[in-house]
N, C-alpha and C. Protein backbone atom coordinates (compact mmCIF):
# COMPACT_ATOMS: atom_id res chain seq x y z
N UNK A 1 5.87 -76.14 27.70
CA UNK A 1 6.03 -76.27 26.59
C UNK A 1 5.45 -74.71 26.38
N UNK A 2 4.53 -74.69 26.57
CA UNK A 2 3.79 -73.27 25.78
C UNK A 2 4.56 -72.14 26.49
N UNK A 3 5.31 -72.38 27.89
CA UNK A 3 5.96 -71.55 28.54
C UNK A 3 7.43 -71.59 27.60
N UNK A 4 7.73 -72.86 27.10
CA UNK A 4 8.85 -72.61 26.27
C UNK A 4 8.75 -71.92 25.01
N UNK A 5 7.64 -72.20 24.51
CA UNK A 5 7.60 -71.31 22.97
C UNK A 5 7.02 -70.03 23.33
N UNK A 6 6.39 -69.35 24.48
CA UNK A 6 6.45 -68.25 24.99
C UNK A 6 7.54 -67.34 24.91
N UNK A 7 8.32 -68.01 25.91
CA UNK A 7 9.75 -67.34 25.79
C UNK A 7 10.68 -67.31 24.81
N UNK A 8 10.60 -68.41 23.70
CA UNK A 8 11.27 -68.20 22.31
C UNK A 8 10.76 -67.12 21.61
N UNK A 9 9.43 -66.92 21.73
CA UNK A 9 8.82 -65.65 20.87
C UNK A 9 8.75 -64.19 21.08
N UNK A 10 9.27 -64.39 22.69
CA UNK A 10 9.94 -63.15 23.25
C UNK A 10 11.03 -63.05 22.82
N UNK A 11 11.96 -63.76 22.92
CA UNK A 11 12.96 -63.84 22.38
C UNK A 11 13.20 -63.26 21.10
N UNK A 12 12.44 -64.08 20.02
CA UNK A 12 12.62 -63.42 18.50
C UNK A 12 12.21 -62.13 18.54
N UNK A 13 11.43 -61.54 19.40
CA UNK A 13 10.54 -60.44 18.99
C UNK A 13 11.87 -59.02 19.75
N UNK A 14 12.51 -59.74 20.46
CA UNK A 14 13.55 -58.97 21.24
C UNK A 14 14.52 -58.68 20.18
N UNK A 15 15.25 -59.95 19.34
CA UNK A 15 16.17 -59.86 18.55
C UNK A 15 15.70 -58.75 17.37
N UNK A 16 14.48 -59.13 16.79
CA UNK A 16 13.83 -58.40 15.87
C UNK A 16 14.10 -56.38 16.28
N UNK A 17 13.19 -56.49 17.31
CA UNK A 17 13.82 -54.83 17.73
C UNK A 17 15.18 -54.39 18.20
N UNK A 18 16.14 -55.27 18.63
CA UNK A 18 17.22 -54.93 18.37
C UNK A 18 17.87 -54.22 16.82
N UNK A 19 17.28 -55.41 16.18
CA UNK A 19 17.99 -55.55 14.62
C UNK A 19 17.09 -54.00 14.08
N UNK A 20 16.22 -53.73 14.86
CA UNK A 20 15.51 -52.76 14.14
C UNK A 20 16.09 -51.37 14.82
N UNK A 21 16.39 -51.31 15.81
CA UNK A 21 16.76 -50.39 16.64
C UNK A 21 18.40 -50.04 15.89
N UNK A 22 19.24 -51.20 15.45
CA UNK A 22 20.55 -50.72 14.80
C UNK A 22 20.36 -50.33 13.27
N UNK A 23 19.34 -50.91 12.86
CA UNK A 23 19.04 -50.23 11.55
C UNK A 23 18.81 -48.86 11.58
N UNK A 24 18.06 -48.27 12.59
CA UNK A 24 17.72 -47.29 12.84
C UNK A 24 18.94 -45.95 12.87
N UNK A 25 19.68 -46.76 13.82
CA UNK A 25 20.88 -45.91 14.34
C UNK A 25 22.07 -45.99 13.23
N UNK A 26 21.92 -46.98 12.34
CA UNK A 26 22.97 -46.95 11.01
C UNK A 26 22.10 -45.95 9.90
N UNK A 27 20.93 -45.81 9.92
CA UNK A 27 20.55 -45.07 8.79
C UNK A 27 20.49 -43.46 9.52
N UNK A 28 20.65 -43.06 10.68
CA UNK A 28 20.87 -42.08 11.36
C UNK A 28 22.16 -41.49 11.07
N UNK A 29 22.99 -42.67 11.49
CA UNK A 29 24.57 -42.03 11.50
C UNK A 29 24.76 -41.62 9.89
N UNK A 30 24.46 -42.38 9.41
CA UNK A 30 24.70 -42.25 7.71
C UNK A 30 23.93 -41.04 7.08
N UNK A 31 22.68 -40.66 7.83
CA UNK A 31 22.16 -39.70 7.28
C UNK A 31 22.67 -38.47 7.77
N UNK A 32 23.06 -38.29 8.77
CA UNK A 32 23.61 -36.95 9.56
C UNK A 32 24.62 -36.08 8.66
N UNK A 33 25.47 -36.91 8.04
CA UNK A 33 26.29 -35.81 7.18
C UNK A 33 25.58 -35.34 6.19
N UNK A 34 24.33 -35.83 5.82
CA UNK A 34 23.52 -35.39 4.37
C UNK A 34 23.04 -34.29 5.24
N UNK A 35 22.67 -34.34 6.52
CA UNK A 35 21.86 -33.12 7.17
C UNK A 35 22.58 -32.12 7.57
N UNK A 36 23.54 -32.27 7.95
CA UNK A 36 24.50 -31.34 7.96
C UNK A 36 24.91 -30.60 6.94
N UNK A 37 25.32 -31.34 5.79
CA UNK A 37 25.56 -30.60 4.77
C UNK A 37 24.24 -29.44 4.32
N UNK A 38 23.21 -30.18 4.51
CA UNK A 38 21.82 -29.02 4.20
C UNK A 38 21.47 -27.96 5.00
N UNK A 39 22.02 -28.60 6.21
CA UNK A 39 22.15 -27.04 7.26
C UNK A 39 23.11 -26.02 6.55
N UNK A 40 24.10 -26.46 6.36
CA UNK A 40 25.43 -25.43 6.01
C UNK A 40 24.91 -24.64 4.73
N UNK A 41 24.69 -25.58 3.45
CA UNK A 41 23.84 -24.93 2.52
C UNK A 41 22.79 -23.80 2.48
N UNK A 42 22.18 -24.38 3.47
CA UNK A 42 20.92 -23.51 3.77
C UNK A 42 21.07 -22.13 4.44
N UNK A 43 22.70 -22.36 5.12
CA UNK A 43 22.63 -21.20 5.88
C UNK A 43 23.42 -20.12 5.19
N UNK A 44 24.45 -21.06 3.98
CA UNK A 44 25.02 -20.39 3.18
C UNK A 44 23.97 -19.36 2.20
N UNK A 45 23.07 -20.11 1.54
CA UNK A 45 22.09 -19.26 0.63
C UNK A 45 21.33 -18.17 1.54
N UNK A 46 21.14 -18.46 2.75
CA UNK A 46 20.31 -17.30 3.68
C UNK A 46 21.35 -16.66 4.17
N UNK A 47 22.73 -16.56 4.06
CA UNK A 47 23.47 -15.08 4.28
C UNK A 47 23.58 -14.45 2.88
N UNK A 48 23.67 -15.31 1.95
CA UNK A 48 23.37 -14.32 0.27
C UNK A 48 22.06 -13.84 -0.05
N UNK A 49 21.39 -14.28 0.17
CA UNK A 49 19.69 -13.37 0.40
C UNK A 49 20.20 -12.45 1.17
N UNK A 50 20.37 -12.60 2.33
CA UNK A 50 20.36 -11.12 3.39
C UNK A 50 21.76 -10.24 2.69
N UNK A 51 22.59 -10.59 2.30
CA UNK A 51 23.64 -9.85 1.42
C UNK A 51 23.07 -9.11 0.13
N UNK A 52 22.55 -9.55 -0.30
CA UNK A 52 22.11 -8.98 -1.30
C UNK A 52 20.79 -7.96 -0.97
N UNK A 53 19.78 -8.40 -0.16
CA UNK A 53 18.69 -7.77 0.06
C UNK A 53 19.50 -6.33 0.94
N UNK A 54 20.21 -6.53 1.57
CA UNK A 54 21.20 -5.10 1.99
C UNK A 54 21.80 -4.46 0.99
N UNK A 55 22.10 -5.09 0.24
CA UNK A 55 22.95 -4.47 -1.15
C UNK A 55 21.64 -3.26 -1.71
N UNK A 56 20.58 -3.87 -1.81
CA UNK A 56 19.64 -3.43 -2.60
C UNK A 56 19.00 -2.35 -1.56
N UNK A 57 18.66 -2.88 -0.78
CA UNK A 57 18.23 -1.61 0.46
C UNK A 57 18.89 -0.44 0.11
N UNK A 58 20.39 -0.31 0.38
CA UNK A 58 21.26 0.30 0.47
C UNK A 58 21.15 1.57 -0.76
N UNK A 59 21.09 0.56 -1.77
CA UNK A 59 21.10 1.46 -3.02
C UNK A 59 19.73 2.19 -3.15
N UNK A 60 18.45 1.57 -2.29
CA UNK A 60 17.31 2.75 -2.51
C UNK A 60 17.55 3.28 -1.30
N UNK A 61 18.13 3.39 -0.21
CA UNK A 61 18.47 4.26 0.70
C UNK A 61 19.32 5.48 0.29
N UNK A 62 20.31 5.39 -1.04
CA UNK A 62 21.05 6.06 -1.19
C UNK A 62 20.01 7.00 -2.13
N UNK A 63 19.15 6.78 -3.06
CA UNK A 63 18.39 7.37 -3.65
C UNK A 63 17.39 8.24 -2.81
N UNK A 64 16.82 7.73 -1.92
CA UNK A 64 16.01 7.98 -0.74
C UNK A 64 16.99 9.48 -0.50
N UNK A 65 18.03 9.39 -0.03
CA UNK A 65 19.08 10.36 0.46
C UNK A 65 18.60 11.60 -0.56
N UNK A 66 19.04 11.43 -1.82
CA UNK A 66 19.27 12.08 -2.78
C UNK A 66 18.07 13.27 -2.91
N UNK A 67 16.85 12.14 -2.62
CA UNK A 67 15.50 12.72 -3.39
C UNK A 67 15.29 13.67 -2.23
N UNK A 68 15.29 13.27 -0.85
CA UNK A 68 15.47 13.86 0.26
C UNK A 68 16.58 15.65 0.05
N UNK A 69 17.47 15.17 -0.32
CA UNK A 69 18.43 16.44 -0.60
C UNK A 69 17.83 17.56 -1.76
N UNK A 70 17.28 16.92 -2.45
CA UNK A 70 16.77 17.86 -3.68
C UNK A 70 15.51 18.60 -3.15
N UNK A 71 14.84 17.81 -1.90
CA UNK A 71 13.98 18.89 -1.19
C UNK A 71 14.20 19.72 -0.47
N UNK A 72 15.30 19.41 -0.07
CA UNK A 72 16.37 20.43 1.09
C UNK A 72 16.39 21.37 0.51
N UNK A 73 16.90 21.17 -1.04
CA UNK A 73 17.42 22.27 -1.97
C UNK A 73 16.37 23.33 -2.64
N UNK A 74 15.06 22.48 -2.57
CA UNK A 74 14.00 23.57 -3.08
C UNK A 74 13.56 24.27 -1.70
N UNK A 75 13.53 23.66 -0.43
CA UNK A 75 13.33 24.55 0.83
C UNK A 75 14.38 25.43 0.87
N UNK A 76 15.40 25.32 0.79
CA UNK A 76 16.40 26.40 0.83
C UNK A 76 16.21 27.29 -0.52
N UNK A 77 16.00 27.23 -1.46
CA UNK A 77 15.81 28.44 -2.82
C UNK A 77 14.56 29.12 -2.37
N UNK A 78 13.43 28.16 -1.82
CA UNK A 78 11.93 29.04 -1.24
C UNK A 78 12.22 29.91 -0.31
N UNK A 79 13.23 29.58 0.57
CA UNK A 79 13.74 30.33 1.43
C UNK A 79 14.40 31.71 1.13
N UNK A 80 15.38 31.60 0.09
CA UNK A 80 15.73 32.81 -0.29
C UNK A 80 14.90 33.59 -0.91
N UNK A 81 14.28 33.17 -1.91
CA UNK A 81 13.17 34.05 -2.72
C UNK A 81 12.12 34.69 -1.68
N UNK A 82 12.08 34.16 -0.38
CA UNK A 82 10.98 34.98 0.45
C UNK A 82 11.90 35.47 1.37
N UNK A 83 12.86 35.65 1.27
CA UNK A 83 13.18 36.40 2.45
C UNK A 83 13.22 38.06 2.75
N UNK A 84 13.43 38.74 1.75
CA UNK A 84 12.58 39.77 1.76
C UNK A 84 11.09 40.50 1.92
N UNK A 85 10.36 39.33 1.36
CA UNK A 85 8.89 39.84 1.39
C UNK A 85 8.43 39.21 2.60
N UNK A 86 8.74 37.59 2.82
CA UNK A 86 7.98 37.02 4.08
C UNK A 86 9.30 36.55 4.57
N UNK A 87 9.98 37.18 5.50
CA UNK A 87 10.72 36.61 6.67
C UNK A 87 10.36 35.46 7.52
N UNK A 88 9.50 35.31 8.02
CA UNK A 88 9.25 34.39 8.80
C UNK A 88 8.56 33.25 8.05
N UNK A 89 8.19 33.12 6.92
CA UNK A 89 8.03 31.84 5.81
C UNK A 89 9.17 31.52 5.47
N UNK A 90 10.14 32.39 5.02
CA UNK A 90 11.71 31.96 5.03
C UNK A 90 12.29 31.60 5.77
N UNK A 91 12.21 31.76 7.15
CA UNK A 91 12.89 30.96 8.23
C UNK A 91 12.24 29.64 8.32
N UNK A 92 11.00 29.31 7.96
CA UNK A 92 10.36 28.41 8.74
C UNK A 92 10.76 27.35 6.87
N UNK A 93 10.93 27.96 6.18
CA UNK A 93 11.82 27.37 4.67
C UNK A 93 13.14 26.91 4.85
N UNK A 94 13.79 27.84 5.64
CA UNK A 94 14.85 27.62 5.77
C UNK A 94 15.16 26.51 6.94
N UNK A 95 14.64 26.29 7.86
CA UNK A 95 14.57 25.07 8.74
C UNK A 95 14.03 23.73 8.07
N UNK A 96 13.30 24.02 7.27
CA UNK A 96 13.11 22.62 6.80
C UNK A 96 14.06 22.41 6.05
N UNK A 97 14.56 23.14 5.33
CA UNK A 97 15.83 22.57 4.56
C UNK A 97 16.92 22.05 5.06
N UNK A 98 17.45 22.75 6.65
CA UNK A 98 18.30 22.26 7.30
C UNK A 98 17.99 20.64 7.82
N UNK A 99 16.82 20.93 8.34
CA UNK A 99 16.44 19.39 8.51
C UNK A 99 16.59 17.92 7.47
N UNK A 100 16.26 18.69 6.48
CA UNK A 100 15.86 17.50 5.17
C UNK A 100 17.75 17.64 5.13
N UNK A 101 18.23 18.52 4.83
CA UNK A 101 19.85 18.27 4.82
C UNK A 101 20.57 17.23 5.67
N UNK A 102 19.96 17.26 7.07
CA UNK A 102 20.66 16.53 8.28
C UNK A 102 20.19 14.68 7.63
N UNK A 103 18.83 14.80 7.57
CA UNK A 103 18.04 13.72 7.52
C UNK A 103 18.95 12.80 6.38
N UNK A 104 18.84 13.62 5.08
CA UNK A 104 19.46 13.05 3.94
C UNK A 104 21.33 12.97 4.25
N UNK A 105 22.00 13.49 5.26
CA UNK A 105 23.13 13.44 5.54
C UNK A 105 23.04 11.99 6.46
N UNK A 106 22.29 11.35 6.93
CA UNK A 106 22.43 10.59 8.16
C UNK A 106 22.16 9.47 7.14
N UNK A 107 21.10 9.60 5.93
CA UNK A 107 20.84 8.37 5.62
C UNK A 107 22.14 8.04 4.63
N UNK A 108 22.88 9.09 4.11
CA UNK A 108 24.11 8.79 3.39
C UNK A 108 25.07 8.31 4.31
N UNK A 109 25.41 8.29 5.57
CA UNK A 109 26.31 8.14 6.58
C UNK A 109 26.10 6.75 7.23
N UNK A 110 24.71 6.63 7.40
CA UNK A 110 24.54 5.39 8.15
C UNK A 110 23.88 3.96 6.92
N UNK A 111 24.40 2.61 7.62
CA UNK A 111 23.98 1.64 6.45
C UNK A 111 23.02 1.13 7.17
N UNK A 112 22.25 0.30 6.16
CA UNK A 112 20.73 0.19 6.55
C UNK A 112 20.48 -0.38 7.87
N UNK A 113 21.22 -1.39 8.23
CA UNK A 113 21.27 -2.06 9.60
C UNK A 113 21.28 -1.08 10.50
N UNK A 114 22.06 0.40 10.50
CA UNK A 114 22.16 0.85 11.88
C UNK A 114 20.95 1.63 11.59
N UNK A 115 20.28 2.04 10.66
CA UNK A 115 19.23 2.95 10.17
C UNK A 115 17.89 2.09 11.34
N UNK A 116 18.06 0.64 10.77
CA UNK A 116 16.90 -0.24 10.93
C UNK A 116 16.77 -0.19 12.76
N UNK A 117 17.91 -0.33 13.33
CA UNK A 117 18.27 -0.49 14.55
C UNK A 117 17.70 0.85 15.46
N UNK A 118 18.19 1.99 14.67
CA UNK A 118 17.65 3.34 15.25
C UNK A 118 16.31 3.57 15.11
N UNK A 119 15.44 3.10 14.18
CA UNK A 119 14.30 3.57 13.64
C UNK A 119 13.42 2.22 15.23
N UNK A 120 14.08 0.88 15.24
CA UNK A 120 13.33 -0.14 15.95
C UNK A 120 13.49 0.57 17.46
N UNK A 121 14.82 1.30 18.02
CA UNK A 121 14.61 1.94 19.28
C UNK A 121 13.60 3.06 19.08
N UNK A 122 13.25 3.79 18.36
CA UNK A 122 12.74 4.77 18.49
C UNK A 122 11.19 4.58 18.71
N UNK A 123 10.87 3.24 17.93
CA UNK A 123 9.65 2.69 17.68
C UNK A 123 9.19 2.34 19.10
N UNK A 124 10.35 1.50 19.65
CA UNK A 124 10.01 1.45 21.61
C UNK A 124 9.76 2.68 22.26
N UNK A 125 10.59 3.69 22.27
CA UNK A 125 10.45 4.93 22.91
C UNK A 125 8.92 5.76 22.23
N UNK A 126 8.64 5.65 21.10
CA UNK A 126 7.55 6.32 20.75
C UNK A 126 6.38 5.43 20.17
N UNK A 127 6.08 4.48 20.48
CA UNK A 127 5.20 3.40 19.65
C UNK A 127 3.78 4.23 18.93
N UNK A 128 3.23 5.45 20.04
CA UNK A 128 1.95 5.89 19.72
C UNK A 128 2.16 7.03 18.42
N UNK A 129 3.68 7.35 18.39
CA UNK A 129 4.05 8.24 17.25
C UNK A 129 4.27 7.68 15.95
N UNK A 130 4.59 6.54 16.22
CA UNK A 130 4.98 5.70 14.63
C UNK A 130 3.78 5.06 14.43
N UNK A 131 2.82 4.98 15.42
CA UNK A 131 1.80 3.80 14.43
C UNK A 131 0.76 5.32 13.99
N UNK A 132 1.07 6.56 15.09
CA UNK A 132 0.10 7.42 13.81
C UNK A 132 0.51 7.65 12.80
N UNK A 133 1.96 7.90 12.86
CA UNK A 133 2.74 8.13 11.35
C UNK A 133 2.59 7.19 10.59
N UNK A 134 2.25 5.67 10.50
CA UNK A 134 2.05 4.53 9.85
C UNK A 134 0.81 4.74 9.26
N UNK A 135 -0.30 5.25 10.21
CA UNK A 135 -1.71 5.45 9.79
C UNK A 135 -1.95 6.51 9.02
N UNK A 136 -1.07 7.82 8.87
CA UNK A 136 -1.23 8.84 7.92
C UNK A 136 -0.54 8.47 7.07
N UNK A 137 0.42 7.65 6.84
CA UNK A 137 1.17 7.09 5.77
C UNK A 137 -0.01 6.53 4.85
N UNK A 138 -0.33 5.71 5.65
CA UNK A 138 -1.54 4.58 4.96
C UNK A 138 -2.55 5.22 4.26
N UNK A 139 -3.39 6.38 5.22
CA UNK A 139 -4.25 6.73 4.37
C UNK A 139 -3.73 7.70 3.26
N UNK A 140 -2.53 8.47 3.38
CA UNK A 140 -2.29 8.84 1.84
C UNK A 140 -1.85 8.13 0.66
N UNK A 141 -1.38 6.86 0.85
CA UNK A 141 -1.05 5.92 0.15
C UNK A 141 -2.16 5.49 -0.44
N UNK A 142 -3.30 5.29 0.63
CA UNK A 142 -4.56 5.09 -0.10
C UNK A 142 -5.07 5.69 -0.90
N UNK A 143 -5.18 7.39 -0.76
CA UNK A 143 -5.59 8.45 -1.58
C UNK A 143 -4.88 8.30 -2.94
N UNK A 144 -3.63 8.37 -2.78
CA UNK A 144 -2.72 8.13 -4.05
C UNK A 144 -2.89 7.60 -4.87
N UNK A 145 -3.11 5.93 -4.61
CA UNK A 145 -3.41 5.01 -5.27
C UNK A 145 -5.09 5.16 -5.66
N UNK A 146 -5.63 5.37 -4.99
CA UNK A 146 -7.32 5.62 -5.59
C UNK A 146 -7.12 6.78 -6.41
N UNK A 147 -6.59 7.98 -6.23
CA UNK A 147 -6.51 8.74 -7.30
C UNK A 147 -5.98 8.59 -8.55
N UNK A 148 -5.09 7.55 -8.82
CA UNK A 148 -4.08 7.45 -9.45
C UNK A 148 -5.28 6.43 -10.28
N UNK A 149 -5.56 5.46 -9.67
CA UNK A 149 -6.78 4.58 -10.45
C UNK A 149 -7.75 5.27 -10.95
N UNK A 150 -8.27 6.44 -10.62
CA UNK A 150 -9.43 7.35 -11.19
C UNK A 150 -8.61 7.69 -12.29
N UNK A 151 -7.53 8.66 -12.10
CA UNK A 151 -6.79 9.25 -13.37
C UNK A 151 -6.71 8.13 -14.63
N UNK A 152 -6.15 7.07 -14.37
CA UNK A 152 -6.20 5.82 -15.46
C UNK A 152 -7.51 5.39 -15.85
N UNK A 153 -8.75 5.36 -15.06
CA UNK A 153 -9.47 5.52 -15.51
C UNK A 153 -10.17 6.64 -16.61
N UNK A 154 -10.18 7.89 -16.29
CA UNK A 154 -10.51 8.85 -17.29
C UNK A 154 -9.72 9.14 -18.39
N UNK A 155 -8.31 8.66 -18.16
CA UNK A 155 -7.64 8.94 -19.51
C UNK A 155 -7.49 7.37 -20.42
N UNK A 156 -8.37 6.19 -19.72
CA UNK A 156 -9.02 5.32 -20.72
C UNK A 156 -9.81 5.95 -21.33
N UNK A 157 -11.06 6.52 -20.37
CA UNK A 157 -12.26 6.98 -21.45
C UNK A 157 -11.94 8.14 -22.08
N UNK A 158 -10.95 8.91 -21.64
CA UNK A 158 -10.93 10.00 -22.74
C UNK A 158 -10.14 9.36 -23.98
N UNK A 159 -9.29 8.43 -24.05
CA UNK A 159 -8.73 7.97 -25.18
C UNK A 159 -9.79 7.27 -25.87
N UNK A 160 -10.64 6.54 -25.48
CA UNK A 160 -11.94 6.12 -26.01
C UNK A 160 -12.74 7.05 -26.48
N UNK A 161 -13.10 7.74 -25.85
CA UNK A 161 -13.85 8.91 -26.66
C UNK A 161 -13.06 9.50 -27.95
N UNK A 162 -11.66 9.76 -27.67
CA UNK A 162 -11.07 10.40 -29.04
C UNK A 162 -11.28 9.39 -30.09
N UNK A 163 -10.83 8.02 -29.59
CA UNK A 163 -10.73 7.08 -30.85
C UNK A 163 -11.72 6.95 -31.36
N UNK A 164 -13.30 7.18 -30.48
CA UNK A 164 -15.18 7.13 -31.36
C UNK A 164 -15.05 8.49 -32.22
N UNK A 165 -14.43 9.28 -31.69
CA UNK A 165 -14.69 10.62 -32.39
C UNK A 165 -14.02 10.42 -33.76
N UNK A 166 -12.69 9.78 -33.43
CA UNK A 166 -12.03 9.76 -34.78
C UNK A 166 -12.47 9.30 -35.78
N UNK A 167 -13.26 7.98 -35.38
CA UNK A 167 -13.84 7.09 -36.21
C UNK A 167 -14.98 7.53 -36.89
N UNK A 168 -15.83 8.34 -36.31
CA UNK A 168 -17.01 9.17 -36.09
C UNK A 168 -16.78 9.98 -37.65
N UNK A 169 -15.59 11.20 -37.23
CA UNK A 169 -15.17 12.21 -38.08
C UNK A 169 -14.65 11.78 -39.26
N UNK A 170 -13.82 10.62 -39.45
CA UNK A 170 -12.90 10.13 -40.40
C UNK A 170 -14.24 9.37 -41.35
N UNK A 171 -15.31 8.75 -40.39
CA UNK A 171 -16.53 8.17 -41.65
C UNK A 171 -17.20 9.41 -42.06
N UNK A 172 -17.40 10.56 -41.50
CA UNK A 172 -18.17 11.82 -41.65
C UNK A 172 -17.24 12.24 -43.46
N UNK A 173 -16.08 12.56 -43.01
CA UNK A 173 -15.04 12.88 -44.27
C UNK A 173 -15.06 12.04 -45.27
N UNK A 174 -15.43 10.83 -45.35
CA UNK A 174 -15.28 9.86 -46.99
C UNK A 174 -16.64 10.20 -47.33
N UNK A 175 -17.70 10.39 -46.14
CA UNK A 175 -19.00 10.38 -47.04
C UNK A 175 -19.21 11.84 -47.79
N UNK A 176 -18.39 12.96 -47.27
CA UNK A 176 -18.81 14.23 -48.11
C UNK A 176 -18.27 14.38 -49.59
């Protein structure tokens, strides 16, 4: 009798386990299309974000190319102005102008992805140079931001002093 009850109990557990497994399988089958839809939607959203980011990067790249072109023109004008008096400086300015023109042209002709790929390759070939350049750029940016912050502080204190002087002088004129 004890054996029979134990056997029935085991069979009951096995039936329950089969029902649970079937329910889990059914839920997985029913949920799979939703999971697939979510994956497709997420993929589409990611693609849209990548395209938009690429467009923005391209616009900024064109702006940078225009600015570099302007610097190249400034070097060319400097070279022209100095060619009679200081030919060696003029030669250096002319070479700088030509290099900036090449950079500007390269930025205009290549898309952002190609430039990133080229930069990655260059970074693999010259990691120390890239890290050094990044460090120097970081120092310059830090100094620029610090100077800008100091300039803003001075400007605010100058305005405050001017306002205080204006209040005092207006008070003095009324009393006169």
